[in-house]
Amino acid sequence: MKKILLGVLAGVMILAFTAVSSFAEGNYWDKWQKTISLDMFPDCGINVLGAGGDDILQATVDIYCGVKPGGYVGYVNPKVIDIYKKKGKKYPDGKTAVLVFKKIGAAFTTDHKDGQPIYDVVAIKDGKSIASKEAGHPLNPATCAKCHVGFNDICKKLGYLCGNRL
């Protein structure tokens, strides 16, 4: 009986190690530089301007609060971090940045192709797109583009050319 119990225990430990190993591989952004984070996403109707937030954060809260995403962490690809820090306007083709919402298991991704941003929403667990096709939905990439391109010119006021568009 003791040998059977030890055999089962060894099998469980091997399975656990295998599961941890594959999970440890993680997502492509896990080793990228963290740039921004928010521990708790504000509820709908909260005015973040009085708490030191800016217009972009307020718009973000207004758009995404209904999804109840929890906190987030932002990452930028080390290959473009200098461009990001200098508020650059031209990014090379490839993966650029990610905003990770662990609570809902989603990551908002920005890639660049031919100088233009490509937005998506992917599942953290497998990297597959979970973006909505419904117009105006918070998880529709067009919602990302609309805000990045011209929300009250706030990007330009802060020195950014959001979405790399004029």
N, C-alpha and C. Protein backbone atom coordinates (compact mmCIF):
# COMPACT_ATOMS: atom_id res chain seq x y z
N MET A 1 0.83 -1.19 0.00
CA MET A 1 0.00 0.00 0.00
C MET A 1 0.88 1.26 0.00
N LYS A 2 1.97 1.19 0.78
CA LYS A 2 2.87 2.33 0.86
C LYS A 2 3.51 2.61 -0.49
N LYS A 3 3.88 1.53 -1.24
CA LYS A 3 4.49 1.69 -2.55
C LYS A 3 3.50 2.32 -3.53
N ILE A 4 2.24 1.93 -3.45
CA ILE A 4 1.21 2.49 -4.34
C ILE A 4 1.04 3.97 -4.05
N LEU A 5 0.96 4.31 -2.75
CA LEU A 5 0.80 5.71 -2.35
C LEU A 5 1.99 6.54 -2.81
N LEU A 6 3.20 6.03 -2.65
CA LEU A 6 4.39 6.74 -3.10
C LEU A 6 4.41 6.88 -4.63
N GLY A 7 3.96 5.85 -5.33
CA GLY A 7 3.89 5.91 -6.79
C GLY A 7 2.90 6.97 -7.26
N VAL A 8 1.73 7.01 -6.61
CA VAL A 8 0.72 8.02 -6.95
C VAL A 8 1.26 9.41 -6.65
N LEU A 9 1.89 9.57 -5.48
CA LEU A 9 2.46 10.86 -5.10
C LEU A 9 3.53 11.30 -6.10
N ALA A 10 4.38 10.41 -6.54
CA ALA A 10 5.41 10.73 -7.53
C ALA A 10 4.77 11.15 -8.85
N GLY A 11 3.71 10.42 -9.26
CA GLY A 11 3.00 10.78 -10.49
C GLY A 11 2.38 12.17 -10.41
N VAL A 12 1.78 12.49 -9.28
CA VAL A 12 1.18 13.81 -9.08
C VAL A 12 2.26 14.89 -9.13
N MET A 13 3.40 14.63 -8.51
CA MET A 13 4.48 15.61 -8.50
C MET A 13 5.01 15.84 -9.92
N ILE A 14 5.12 14.78 -10.72
CA ILE A 14 5.59 14.91 -12.09
C ILE A 14 4.59 15.73 -12.90
N LEU A 15 3.30 15.43 -12.74
CA LEU A 15 2.27 16.20 -13.44
C LEU A 15 2.30 17.67 -13.02
N ALA A 16 2.44 17.91 -11.73
CA ALA A 16 2.49 19.29 -11.23
C ALA A 16 3.70 20.02 -11.81
N PHE A 17 4.84 19.35 -11.84
CA PHE A 17 6.04 19.99 -12.39
C PHE A 17 5.86 20.30 -13.87
N THR A 18 5.23 19.36 -14.60
CA THR A 18 4.99 19.57 -16.03
C THR A 18 4.07 20.76 -16.23
N ALA A 19 3.00 20.85 -15.43
CA ALA A 19 2.06 21.96 -15.56
C ALA A 19 2.74 23.29 -15.25
N VAL A 20 3.55 23.30 -14.18
CA VAL A 20 4.26 24.53 -13.81
C VAL A 20 5.26 24.91 -14.89
N SER A 21 5.93 23.93 -15.46
CA SER A 21 6.92 24.21 -16.50
C SER A 21 6.28 24.87 -17.71
N SER A 22 5.15 24.31 -18.18
CA SER A 22 4.54 24.90 -19.36
C SER A 22 3.94 26.26 -19.04
N PHE A 23 3.40 26.43 -17.85
CA PHE A 23 2.88 27.75 -17.47
C PHE A 23 4.01 28.75 -17.33
N ALA A 24 5.16 28.29 -16.85
CA ALA A 24 6.31 29.18 -16.66
C ALA A 24 6.81 29.75 -17.98
N GLU A 25 6.52 29.05 -19.09
CA GLU A 25 6.93 29.59 -20.39
C GLU A 25 6.27 30.94 -20.62
N GLY A 26 5.03 31.09 -20.19
CA GLY A 26 4.33 32.36 -20.20
C GLY A 26 4.05 32.94 -21.56
N ASN A 27 3.76 34.22 -21.52
CA ASN A 27 3.42 34.97 -22.73
C ASN A 27 4.63 35.73 -23.25
N TYR A 28 4.57 36.14 -24.49
CA TYR A 28 5.72 36.81 -25.10
C TYR A 28 6.09 38.11 -24.39
N TRP A 29 5.19 38.74 -23.71
CA TRP A 29 5.47 40.03 -23.06
C TRP A 29 5.99 39.89 -21.64
N ASP A 30 6.03 38.69 -21.09
CA ASP A 30 6.41 38.52 -19.69
C ASP A 30 7.78 39.08 -19.33
N LYS A 31 8.70 39.12 -20.28
CA LYS A 31 10.04 39.63 -19.98
C LYS A 31 10.24 41.05 -20.51
N TRP A 32 9.18 41.65 -21.01
CA TRP A 32 9.26 43.02 -21.49
C TRP A 32 9.28 43.99 -20.31
N GLN A 33 9.61 45.22 -20.56
CA GLN A 33 9.68 46.23 -19.51
C GLN A 33 8.27 46.66 -19.11
N LYS A 34 8.02 46.64 -17.80
CA LYS A 34 6.75 47.14 -17.27
C LYS A 34 6.79 48.67 -17.34
N THR A 35 5.69 49.25 -17.79
CA THR A 35 5.67 50.70 -17.94
C THR A 35 4.62 51.37 -17.08
N ILE A 36 3.44 50.80 -17.02
CA ILE A 36 2.36 51.38 -16.23
C ILE A 36 1.63 50.26 -15.52
N SER A 37 0.98 50.61 -14.41
CA SER A 37 0.15 49.62 -13.73
C SER A 37 -0.89 50.34 -12.88
N LEU A 38 -1.96 49.66 -12.65
CA LEU A 38 -3.03 50.14 -11.79
C LEU A 38 -3.55 48.92 -11.06
N ASP A 39 -3.48 48.95 -9.71
CA ASP A 39 -3.87 47.78 -8.93
C ASP A 39 -5.36 47.47 -9.00
N MET A 40 -6.16 48.52 -9.02
CA MET A 40 -7.61 48.34 -9.00
C MET A 40 -8.24 49.27 -10.01
N PHE A 41 -8.98 48.73 -10.94
CA PHE A 41 -9.63 49.56 -11.95
C PHE A 41 -10.87 50.21 -11.33
N PRO A 42 -11.01 51.52 -11.50
CA PRO A 42 -12.16 52.21 -10.89
C PRO A 42 -13.50 51.73 -11.42
N ASP A 43 -14.52 51.83 -10.57
CA ASP A 43 -15.88 51.47 -10.98
C ASP A 43 -16.45 52.53 -11.91
N CYS A 44 -17.50 52.16 -12.62
CA CYS A 44 -18.19 53.11 -13.50
C CYS A 44 -18.69 54.30 -12.67
N GLY A 45 -18.60 55.47 -13.27
CA GLY A 45 -19.08 56.67 -12.61
C GLY A 45 -18.06 57.36 -11.73
N ILE A 46 -16.91 56.74 -11.52
CA ILE A 46 -15.86 57.33 -10.68
C ILE A 46 -15.14 58.41 -11.49
N ASN A 47 -14.95 59.58 -10.86
CA ASN A 47 -14.21 60.68 -11.48
C ASN A 47 -12.76 60.55 -11.03
N VAL A 48 -11.88 60.16 -11.96
CA VAL A 48 -10.47 59.98 -11.61
C VAL A 48 -9.67 61.27 -11.72
N LEU A 49 -10.27 62.30 -12.31
CA LEU A 49 -9.55 63.57 -12.48
C LEU A 49 -9.20 64.18 -11.13
N GLY A 50 -10.10 64.08 -10.17
CA GLY A 50 -9.85 64.63 -8.83
C GLY A 50 -8.83 63.83 -8.05
N ALA A 51 -8.55 62.61 -8.48
CA ALA A 51 -7.59 61.75 -7.78
C ALA A 51 -6.25 61.71 -8.50
N GLY A 52 -6.01 62.70 -9.37
CA GLY A 52 -4.72 62.74 -10.06
C GLY A 52 -4.70 62.07 -11.40
N GLY A 53 -5.84 61.52 -11.84
CA GLY A 53 -5.90 60.90 -13.15
C GLY A 53 -5.99 61.96 -14.24
N ASP A 54 -5.79 61.53 -15.48
CA ASP A 54 -5.89 62.48 -16.59
C ASP A 54 -7.07 62.11 -17.48
N ASP A 55 -7.27 62.87 -18.54
CA ASP A 55 -8.39 62.63 -19.44
C ASP A 55 -8.35 61.24 -20.08
N ILE A 56 -7.15 60.75 -20.37
CA ILE A 56 -7.04 59.43 -20.97
C ILE A 56 -7.51 58.36 -19.99
N LEU A 57 -7.08 58.45 -18.74
CA LEU A 57 -7.52 57.48 -17.74
C LEU A 57 -9.03 57.58 -17.55
N GLN A 58 -9.56 58.80 -17.52
CA GLN A 58 -11.01 58.96 -17.35
C GLN A 58 -11.76 58.30 -18.50
N ALA A 59 -11.32 58.53 -19.71
CA ALA A 59 -11.97 57.91 -20.87
C ALA A 59 -11.84 56.39 -20.80
N THR A 60 -10.69 55.91 -20.36
CA THR A 60 -10.48 54.47 -20.24
C THR A 60 -11.43 53.87 -19.22
N VAL A 61 -11.58 54.54 -18.08
CA VAL A 61 -12.52 54.07 -17.05
C VAL A 61 -13.93 54.06 -17.63
N ASP A 62 -14.31 55.14 -18.29
CA ASP A 62 -15.67 55.24 -18.83
C ASP A 62 -15.95 54.15 -19.86
N ILE A 63 -14.95 53.76 -20.64
CA ILE A 63 -15.14 52.75 -21.68
C ILE A 63 -15.12 51.33 -21.10
N TYR A 64 -14.17 51.06 -20.20
CA TYR A 64 -13.93 49.68 -19.77
C TYR A 64 -14.50 49.28 -18.42
N CYS A 65 -15.03 50.22 -17.64
CA CYS A 65 -15.50 49.89 -16.30
C CYS A 65 -16.59 48.82 -16.33
N GLY A 66 -17.45 48.84 -17.34
CA GLY A 66 -18.52 47.86 -17.44
C GLY A 66 -18.03 46.44 -17.61
N VAL A 67 -16.82 46.29 -18.12
CA VAL A 67 -16.23 44.97 -18.30
C VAL A 67 -15.69 44.44 -16.97
N LYS A 68 -15.52 45.33 -16.00
CA LYS A 68 -14.95 45.01 -14.68
C LYS A 68 -13.62 44.27 -14.82
N PRO A 69 -12.64 44.94 -15.42
CA PRO A 69 -11.40 44.25 -15.76
C PRO A 69 -10.40 44.05 -14.62
N GLY A 70 -10.61 44.66 -13.48
CA GLY A 70 -9.60 44.57 -12.42
C GLY A 70 -8.41 45.44 -12.77
N GLY A 71 -7.32 45.28 -12.07
CA GLY A 71 -6.12 46.07 -12.34
C GLY A 71 -5.44 45.66 -13.62
N TYR A 72 -4.43 46.43 -14.00
CA TYR A 72 -3.70 46.10 -15.22
C TYR A 72 -2.22 46.42 -15.07
N VAL A 73 -1.44 45.81 -15.95
CA VAL A 73 -0.01 46.09 -16.05
C VAL A 73 0.30 46.27 -17.53
N GLY A 74 1.04 47.32 -17.85
CA GLY A 74 1.43 47.59 -19.23
C GLY A 74 2.88 47.20 -19.46
N TYR A 75 3.15 46.66 -20.63
CA TYR A 75 4.50 46.23 -21.01
C TYR A 75 4.83 46.80 -22.38
N VAL A 76 6.10 47.14 -22.59
CA VAL A 76 6.57 47.61 -23.90
C VAL A 76 7.74 46.73 -24.32
N ASN A 77 7.73 46.37 -25.59
CA ASN A 77 8.78 45.56 -26.18
C ASN A 77 10.12 46.28 -26.00
N PRO A 78 11.14 45.60 -25.45
CA PRO A 78 12.45 46.25 -25.26
C PRO A 78 13.06 46.77 -26.56
N LYS A 79 12.67 46.19 -27.70
CA LYS A 79 13.21 46.65 -28.98
C LYS A 79 12.72 48.05 -29.34
N VAL A 80 11.61 48.49 -28.72
CA VAL A 80 11.06 49.81 -29.04
C VAL A 80 10.97 50.73 -27.82
N ILE A 81 11.55 50.32 -26.71
CA ILE A 81 11.41 51.10 -25.48
C ILE A 81 11.98 52.51 -25.62
N ASP A 82 13.06 52.67 -26.36
CA ASP A 82 13.61 54.02 -26.55
C ASP A 82 12.65 54.92 -27.33
N ILE A 83 12.02 54.36 -28.34
CA ILE A 83 11.02 55.12 -29.11
C ILE A 83 9.87 55.50 -28.18
N TYR A 84 9.41 54.55 -27.38
CA TYR A 84 8.31 54.79 -26.45
C TYR A 84 8.67 55.90 -25.45
N LYS A 85 9.84 55.80 -24.85
CA LYS A 85 10.25 56.79 -23.85
C LYS A 85 10.39 58.19 -24.44
N LYS A 86 10.81 58.26 -25.70
CA LYS A 86 10.98 59.55 -26.36
C LYS A 86 9.68 60.03 -27.01
N LYS A 87 8.58 59.31 -26.76
CA LYS A 87 7.29 59.63 -27.35
C LYS A 87 7.39 59.66 -28.87
N GLY A 88 8.12 58.68 -29.38
CA GLY A 88 8.37 58.60 -30.81
C GLY A 88 7.12 58.37 -31.63
N LYS A 89 7.24 58.66 -32.87
CA LYS A 89 6.10 58.58 -33.78
C LYS A 89 6.21 57.43 -34.77
N LYS A 90 7.37 56.85 -34.91
CA LYS A 90 7.55 55.78 -35.90
C LYS A 90 8.06 54.52 -35.21
N TYR A 91 7.25 53.47 -35.31
CA TYR A 91 7.62 52.18 -34.74
C TYR A 91 7.88 51.19 -35.86
N PRO A 92 8.84 50.30 -35.68
CA PRO A 92 9.08 49.27 -36.70
C PRO A 92 7.96 48.22 -36.65
N ASP A 93 7.86 47.45 -37.71
CA ASP A 93 6.88 46.37 -37.74
C ASP A 93 7.18 45.39 -36.61
N GLY A 94 6.13 44.90 -35.99
CA GLY A 94 6.27 43.90 -34.94
C GLY A 94 5.44 44.22 -33.72
N LYS A 95 5.64 43.42 -32.71
CA LYS A 95 4.90 43.58 -31.45
C LYS A 95 5.44 44.78 -30.69
N THR A 96 4.54 45.64 -30.23
CA THR A 96 4.94 46.91 -29.64
C THR A 96 4.66 46.99 -28.15
N ALA A 97 3.40 46.79 -27.76
CA ALA A 97 3.01 46.97 -26.36
C ALA A 97 1.82 46.10 -26.01
N VAL A 98 1.63 45.89 -24.71
CA VAL A 98 0.53 45.06 -24.21
C VAL A 98 0.04 45.65 -22.89
N LEU A 99 -1.28 45.64 -22.72
CA LEU A 99 -1.90 46.02 -21.45
C LEU A 99 -2.62 44.78 -20.95
N VAL A 100 -2.15 44.21 -19.83
CA VAL A 100 -2.63 42.92 -19.34
C VAL A 100 -3.62 43.10 -18.20
N PHE A 101 -4.80 42.50 -18.37
CA PHE A 101 -5.84 42.49 -17.34
C PHE A 101 -6.01 41.05 -16.87
N LYS A 102 -5.30 40.66 -15.80
CA LYS A 102 -5.31 39.27 -15.35
C LYS A 102 -6.70 38.82 -14.90
N LYS A 103 -7.45 39.71 -14.23
CA LYS A 103 -8.74 39.31 -13.67
C LYS A 103 -9.68 38.78 -14.75
N ILE A 104 -9.71 39.42 -15.89
CA ILE A 104 -10.60 38.95 -16.96
C ILE A 104 -9.88 38.05 -17.96
N GLY A 105 -8.59 37.83 -17.73
CA GLY A 105 -7.84 36.92 -18.58
C GLY A 105 -7.59 37.44 -19.98
N ALA A 106 -7.50 38.78 -20.10
CA ALA A 106 -7.34 39.38 -21.43
C ALA A 106 -6.15 40.33 -21.47
N ALA A 107 -5.59 40.47 -22.65
CA ALA A 107 -4.51 41.43 -22.87
C ALA A 107 -4.84 42.24 -24.12
N PHE A 108 -4.69 43.54 -24.00
CA PHE A 108 -4.89 44.44 -25.15
C PHE A 108 -3.52 44.60 -25.79
N THR A 109 -3.42 44.23 -27.03
CA THR A 109 -2.12 44.24 -27.70
C THR A 109 -2.06 45.31 -28.78
N THR A 110 -0.85 45.83 -28.98
CA THR A 110 -0.59 46.74 -30.10
C THR A 110 0.63 46.22 -30.83
N ASP A 111 0.44 45.96 -32.11
CA ASP A 111 1.52 45.60 -33.01
C ASP A 111 1.60 46.72 -34.04
N HIS A 112 2.65 46.75 -34.82
CA HIS A 112 2.75 47.73 -35.91
C HIS A 112 3.06 47.00 -37.21
N LYS A 113 2.45 47.48 -38.27
CA LYS A 113 2.69 46.96 -39.62
C LYS A 113 2.62 48.14 -40.57
N ASP A 114 3.68 48.33 -41.33
CA ASP A 114 3.76 49.43 -42.29
C ASP A 114 3.49 50.78 -41.62
N GLY A 115 3.98 50.95 -40.41
CA GLY A 115 3.85 52.22 -39.71
C GLY A 115 2.51 52.44 -39.04
N GLN A 116 1.60 51.51 -39.17
CA GLN A 116 0.27 51.67 -38.58
C GLN A 116 0.07 50.68 -37.43
N PRO A 117 -0.64 51.11 -36.38
CA PRO A 117 -0.90 50.21 -35.27
C PRO A 117 -1.98 49.19 -35.62
N ILE A 118 -1.82 48.01 -35.06
CA ILE A 118 -2.82 46.96 -35.19
C ILE A 118 -3.20 46.57 -33.76
N TYR A 119 -4.45 46.81 -33.41
CA TYR A 119 -4.92 46.52 -32.05
C TYR A 119 -5.65 45.19 -32.03
N ASP A 120 -5.55 44.50 -30.89
CA ASP A 120 -6.27 43.25 -30.71
C ASP A 120 -6.49 43.04 -29.22
N VAL A 121 -7.37 42.12 -28.91
CA VAL A 121 -7.59 41.68 -27.54
C VAL A 121 -7.41 40.17 -27.57
N VAL A 122 -6.48 39.67 -26.77
CA VAL A 122 -6.17 38.24 -26.79
C VAL A 122 -6.36 37.64 -25.41
N ALA A 123 -6.65 36.35 -25.40
CA ALA A 123 -6.75 35.60 -24.15
C ALA A 123 -5.34 35.37 -23.61
N ILE A 124 -5.15 35.63 -22.34
CA ILE A 124 -3.84 35.42 -21.72
C ILE A 124 -3.45 33.94 -21.77
N LYS A 125 -4.42 33.06 -21.60
CA LYS A 125 -4.10 31.63 -21.51
C LYS A 125 -3.53 31.03 -22.78
N ASP A 126 -3.98 31.52 -23.95
CA ASP A 126 -3.49 30.90 -25.19
C ASP A 126 -3.11 31.89 -26.29
N GLY A 127 -3.27 33.18 -26.05
CA GLY A 127 -2.87 34.19 -27.02
C GLY A 127 -3.81 34.33 -28.21
N LYS A 128 -4.95 33.63 -28.19
CA LYS A 128 -5.90 33.72 -29.30
C LYS A 128 -6.77 34.96 -29.15
N SER A 129 -7.13 35.55 -30.27
CA SER A 129 -7.95 36.75 -30.27
C SER A 129 -9.33 36.48 -29.67
N ILE A 130 -9.74 37.36 -28.78
CA ILE A 130 -11.08 37.33 -28.20
C ILE A 130 -11.77 38.67 -28.46
N ALA A 131 -11.25 39.41 -29.43
CA ALA A 131 -11.79 40.72 -29.74
C ALA A 131 -13.24 40.59 -30.22
N SER A 132 -14.05 41.58 -29.84
CA SER A 132 -15.43 41.61 -30.26
C SER A 132 -15.52 42.18 -31.68
N LYS A 133 -16.48 41.69 -32.43
CA LYS A 133 -16.75 42.24 -33.76
C LYS A 133 -17.89 43.26 -33.69
N GLU A 134 -18.50 43.38 -32.51
CA GLU A 134 -19.63 44.29 -32.32
C GLU A 134 -19.15 45.74 -32.26
N ALA A 135 -19.66 46.57 -33.15
CA ALA A 135 -19.26 47.98 -33.19
C ALA A 135 -19.54 48.65 -31.86
N GLY A 136 -18.56 49.42 -31.39
CA GLY A 136 -18.70 50.15 -30.14
C GLY A 136 -18.45 49.33 -28.88
N HIS A 137 -18.26 48.03 -29.03
CA HIS A 137 -18.00 47.17 -27.86
C HIS A 137 -16.61 47.50 -27.30
N PRO A 138 -16.45 47.52 -25.98
CA PRO A 138 -15.15 47.84 -25.38
C PRO A 138 -14.00 46.93 -25.82
N LEU A 139 -14.32 45.71 -26.24
CA LEU A 139 -13.26 44.79 -26.66
C LEU A 139 -13.16 44.68 -28.19
N ASN A 140 -13.66 45.69 -28.88
CA ASN A 140 -13.53 45.75 -30.34
C ASN A 140 -12.30 46.60 -30.66
N PRO A 141 -11.38 46.12 -31.49
CA PRO A 141 -10.18 46.90 -31.81
C PRO A 141 -10.46 48.29 -32.37
N ALA A 142 -11.61 48.48 -33.00
CA ALA A 142 -11.96 49.80 -33.51
C ALA A 142 -12.17 50.79 -32.35
N THR A 143 -12.62 50.29 -31.21
CA THR A 143 -12.77 51.14 -30.02
C THR A 143 -11.40 51.63 -29.58
N CYS A 144 -10.41 50.73 -29.60
CA CYS A 144 -9.04 51.12 -29.26
C CYS A 144 -8.54 52.20 -30.22
N ALA A 145 -8.72 51.94 -31.51
CA ALA A 145 -8.22 52.86 -32.53
C ALA A 145 -8.87 54.23 -32.40
N LYS A 146 -10.17 54.25 -32.18
CA LYS A 146 -10.89 55.53 -32.07
C LYS A 146 -10.31 56.38 -30.94
N CYS A 147 -10.06 55.76 -29.82
CA CYS A 147 -9.53 56.50 -28.67
C CYS A 147 -8.08 56.90 -28.91
N HIS A 148 -7.28 56.00 -29.39
CA HIS A 148 -5.87 56.28 -29.61
C HIS A 148 -5.65 57.36 -30.66
N VAL A 149 -6.49 57.36 -31.67
CA VAL A 149 -6.29 58.29 -32.78
C VAL A 149 -6.64 59.72 -32.41
N GLY A 150 -7.67 59.94 -31.63
CA GLY A 150 -8.00 61.34 -31.46
C GLY A 150 -8.79 61.75 -30.26
N PHE A 151 -8.75 61.04 -29.18
CA PHE A 151 -9.55 61.42 -28.02
C PHE A 151 -9.19 62.82 -27.53
N ASN A 152 -10.05 63.77 -27.85
CA ASN A 152 -9.89 65.16 -27.40
C ASN A 152 -8.48 65.70 -27.59
N ASP A 153 -7.76 65.18 -28.54
CA ASP A 153 -6.38 65.59 -28.79
C ASP A 153 -5.49 65.46 -27.56
N ILE A 154 -5.92 64.67 -26.58
CA ILE A 154 -5.15 64.53 -25.33
C ILE A 154 -3.79 63.91 -25.60
N CYS A 155 -3.72 63.00 -26.55
CA CYS A 155 -2.42 62.39 -26.86
C CYS A 155 -1.44 63.46 -27.32
N LYS A 156 -1.89 64.32 -28.22
CA LYS A 156 -1.03 65.39 -28.73
C LYS A 156 -0.64 66.35 -27.61
N LYS A 157 -1.58 66.64 -26.71
CA LYS A 157 -1.30 67.55 -25.59
C LYS A 157 -0.20 66.99 -24.69
N LEU A 158 -0.15 65.65 -24.60
CA LEU A 158 0.87 65.01 -23.76
C LEU A 158 2.16 64.73 -24.54
N GLY A 159 2.17 65.10 -25.82
CA GLY A 159 3.38 64.90 -26.61
C GLY A 159 3.40 63.61 -27.40
N TYR A 160 2.34 62.83 -27.32
CA TYR A 160 2.29 61.57 -28.05
C TYR A 160 1.52 61.75 -29.35
N LEU A 161 1.82 60.94 -30.30
CA LEU A 161 1.01 60.83 -31.50
C LEU A 161 0.39 59.45 -31.41
N CYS A 162 -0.71 59.36 -30.65
CA CYS A 162 -1.32 58.07 -30.37
C CYS A 162 -1.71 57.37 -31.66
N GLY A 163 -1.41 56.13 -31.73
CA GLY A 163 -1.75 55.35 -32.90
C GLY A 163 -0.89 55.69 -34.09
N ASN A 164 0.09 56.56 -33.91
CA ASN A 164 1.02 56.94 -34.98
C ASN A 164 0.30 57.49 -36.20
N ARG A 165 -0.79 58.18 -35.97
CA ARG A 165 -1.54 58.78 -37.07
C ARG A 165 -1.63 60.27 -36.86
N LEU A 166 -1.71 61.00 -37.95
CA LEU A 166 -1.85 62.46 -37.86
C LEU A 166 -3.30 62.84 -37.78
